[in-house]
Amino acid sequence: MKKLLSSITLIAALALSGNLYAQAATTPAAAPDPNAPVMKFEHDTIDYGTIPHNADGYRVFKFTNVGKEPLLISNAHGSCGCTVPTAPTEPIPPGQNSEIKVHYATDRIGAFTKTVTLTSNANPPTKVLVIKGNVLSDPPAATPAATPATPPANTSGH
């Protein structure tokens, strides 16, 4: 009898949790704030192209707050330690332009694709930017031209 009661309790609990899950899944998400700030970027991706080893790794993502409220960027995070973003810390008023500066460590050889993730009070609250390119290795060191050997000076006096 205990087994039967335990089984019925378990089935009832599963049915109830499934019903709650179904209700949660069908509840519509809150509508975005129509006055929220909105970041409109000139470009979401910057292609460094093919660059020399240790080249200038700085680039800039330019954007405008096209929303109706001031934009606050709370976090800017690179996908690895070689990608370091710098975001404005002050609020960006509606209609104003600003920029996200990104430094990629070009001491790393080869192709790269990295991301910068921004978190803000904008709609949407998360924005992912991409940098990519290819860093060439240093050219081989030039071999100095062979210089002809100078014959030893005649010291015998002849």
Protein backbone atom coordinates (compact mmCIF):
# COMPACT_ATOMS: atom_id res chain seq x y z
CA MET A 1 0.00 0.00 0.00
CA LYS A 2 2.88 2.34 0.79
CA LYS A 3 4.33 1.70 -2.68
CA LEU A 4 1.01 2.56 -4.30
CA LEU A 5 0.67 5.76 -2.28
CA SER A 6 4.28 6.75 -3.08
CA SER A 7 3.71 6.11 -6.79
CA ILE A 8 0.52 8.19 -6.84
CA THR A 9 2.29 11.05 -5.00
CA LEU A 10 5.20 10.93 -7.46
CA ILE A 11 2.88 10.96 -10.49
CA ALA A 12 0.89 13.86 -9.05
CA ALA A 13 4.07 15.84 -8.36
CA LEU A 14 5.34 15.25 -11.91
CA ALA A 15 2.01 16.23 -13.43
CA LEU A 16 1.86 19.40 -11.35
CA SER A 17 5.44 20.43 -12.20
CA GLY A 18 4.80 19.76 -15.90
CA ASN A 19 1.67 21.92 -15.76
CA LEU A 20 3.60 24.74 -14.07
CA TYR A 21 6.34 24.47 -16.69
CA ALA A 22 3.78 24.65 -19.49
CA GLN A 23 2.27 27.79 -17.96
CA ALA A 24 5.68 29.42 -17.55
CA ALA A 25 6.63 28.60 -21.13
CA THR A 26 3.48 30.20 -22.53
CA THR A 27 3.66 33.37 -20.42
CA PRO A 28 4.69 36.18 -22.77
CA ALA A 29 7.91 38.02 -22.01
CA ALA A 30 7.65 41.59 -20.86
CA ALA A 31 7.63 44.02 -23.78
CA PRO A 32 10.85 46.01 -24.19
CA ASP A 33 10.78 49.55 -22.86
CA PRO A 34 9.97 51.80 -25.86
CA ASN A 35 12.03 54.60 -24.28
CA ALA A 36 15.12 52.46 -23.63
CA PRO A 37 18.43 53.52 -25.15
CA VAL A 38 19.45 51.75 -28.36
CA MET A 39 23.03 51.40 -29.62
CA LYS A 40 23.32 51.73 -33.40
CA PHE A 41 26.83 50.80 -34.57
CA GLU A 42 28.44 51.86 -37.84
CA HIS A 43 29.88 48.32 -38.03
CA ASP A 44 29.47 45.24 -35.82
CA THR A 45 32.70 43.71 -37.17
CA ILE A 46 36.13 45.22 -37.72
CA ASP A 47 38.46 43.35 -40.06
CA TYR A 48 42.08 44.20 -39.37
CA GLY A 49 43.02 42.52 -42.63
CA THR A 50 46.51 41.07 -42.87
CA ILE A 51 48.85 43.02 -40.62
CA PRO A 52 52.50 42.73 -39.63
CA HIS A 53 53.62 41.21 -36.35
CA ASN A 54 53.46 43.82 -33.54
CA ALA A 55 51.43 46.25 -35.70
CA ASP A 56 49.09 48.81 -34.17
CA GLY A 57 46.34 46.72 -32.55
CA TYR A 58 43.95 49.59 -31.75
CA ARG A 59 40.60 49.92 -33.52
CA VAL A 60 37.38 51.83 -32.76
CA PHE A 61 33.71 50.84 -32.97
CA LYS A 62 31.61 54.00 -33.42
CA PHE A 63 27.96 54.09 -32.37
CA THR A 64 25.03 56.41 -31.69
CA ASN A 65 22.41 56.20 -28.94
CA VAL A 66 19.25 56.26 -31.08
CA GLY A 67 16.97 55.59 -28.09
CA LYS A 68 15.08 58.04 -25.91
CA GLU A 69 17.00 57.65 -22.62
CA PRO A 70 20.69 57.99 -21.68
CA LEU A 71 22.79 54.90 -22.41
CA LEU A 72 24.90 53.40 -19.62
CA ILE A 73 27.43 50.70 -20.53
CA SER A 74 28.02 48.65 -17.40
CA ASN A 75 30.55 46.15 -18.79
CA ALA A 76 32.78 45.63 -21.82
CA HIS A 77 34.54 42.27 -21.90
CA GLY A 78 36.93 40.74 -24.46
CA SER A 79 36.72 37.04 -25.28
CA CYS A 80 40.32 36.55 -24.14
CA GLY A 81 43.15 38.46 -22.51
CA CYS A 82 44.53 39.48 -25.90
CA THR A 83 41.41 41.56 -26.64
CA VAL A 84 40.94 44.56 -24.36
CA PRO A 85 37.95 46.88 -24.89
CA THR A 86 37.57 50.35 -23.38
CA ALA A 87 34.01 51.65 -23.14
CA PRO A 88 32.80 55.08 -22.06
CA THR A 89 31.92 55.28 -18.38
CA GLU A 90 29.72 58.37 -18.61
CA PRO A 91 26.09 58.25 -19.80
CA ILE A 92 25.60 58.81 -23.54
CA PRO A 93 22.56 61.04 -24.08
CA PRO A 94 20.00 60.25 -26.79
CA GLY A 95 21.24 61.27 -30.23
CA GLN A 96 24.89 61.41 -29.14
CA ASN A 97 27.80 59.48 -30.65
CA SER A 98 30.47 57.58 -28.76
CA GLU A 99 32.93 54.76 -29.31
CA ILE A 100 34.27 51.50 -27.97
CA LYS A 101 38.05 51.28 -28.29
CA VAL A 102 39.52 47.80 -28.72
CA HIS A 103 43.15 46.71 -28.49
CA TYR A 104 44.21 43.37 -29.91
CA ALA A 105 47.66 42.06 -28.93
CA THR A 106 49.33 41.73 -32.33
CA ASP A 107 52.29 39.86 -30.87
CA ARG A 108 50.28 36.68 -31.57
CA ILE A 109 50.93 35.19 -35.02
CA GLY A 110 48.15 33.85 -37.25
CA ALA A 111 44.47 34.33 -38.01
CA PHE A 112 42.20 35.52 -35.24
CA THR A 113 38.51 36.12 -34.58
CA LYS A 114 37.65 37.60 -31.17
CA THR A 115 34.56 39.12 -29.61
CA VAL A 116 33.78 42.03 -27.34
CA THR A 117 30.59 41.69 -25.29
CA LEU A 118 28.90 44.85 -24.07
CA THR A 119 26.34 44.93 -21.27
CA SER A 120 24.18 48.03 -20.88
CA ASN A 121 20.74 49.41 -20.14
CA ALA A 122 20.02 49.40 -23.89
CA ASN A 123 17.49 47.38 -25.82
CA PRO A 124 18.83 44.69 -26.23
CA PRO A 125 20.95 44.75 -23.07
CA THR A 126 23.79 42.66 -24.56
CA LYS A 127 25.68 43.44 -27.77
CA VAL A 128 28.49 41.35 -29.27
CA LEU A 129 31.08 43.00 -31.51
CA VAL A 130 33.66 41.07 -33.57
CA ILE A 131 37.27 41.75 -34.55
CA LYS A 132 39.17 39.55 -36.96
CA GLY A 133 42.31 39.51 -39.02
CA ASN A 134 45.61 37.80 -39.64
CA VAL A 135 48.95 38.68 -38.04
CA LEU A 136 51.96 37.81 -40.19
CA SER A 137 55.11 36.38 -38.72
CA ASP A 138 58.29 38.42 -38.90
CA PRO A 139 60.19 38.03 -42.15
CA PRO A 140 63.33 35.93 -41.82
CA ALA A 141 66.33 37.96 -40.73
CA ALA A 142 68.43 39.08 -43.66
CA THR A 143 71.70 37.21 -43.96
CA PRO A 144 74.55 39.68 -44.27
CA ALA A 145 76.36 39.41 -47.59
CA ALA A 146 79.65 37.58 -47.35
CA THR A 147 82.54 40.00 -47.41
CA PRO A 148 85.68 38.93 -49.20
CA ALA A 149 88.42 37.91 -46.85
CA THR A 150 91.31 40.37 -46.68
CA PRO A 151 94.64 38.66 -47.15
CA PRO A 152 96.95 39.03 -44.16
CA ALA A 153 99.47 41.83 -44.46
CA ASN A 154 102.95 40.82 -45.44
CA THR A 155 105.02 41.24 -42.31
CA SER A 156 108.17 39.54 -43.52
CA GLY A 157 109.46 42.67 -45.14
CA HIS A 158 109.86 41.12 -48.59
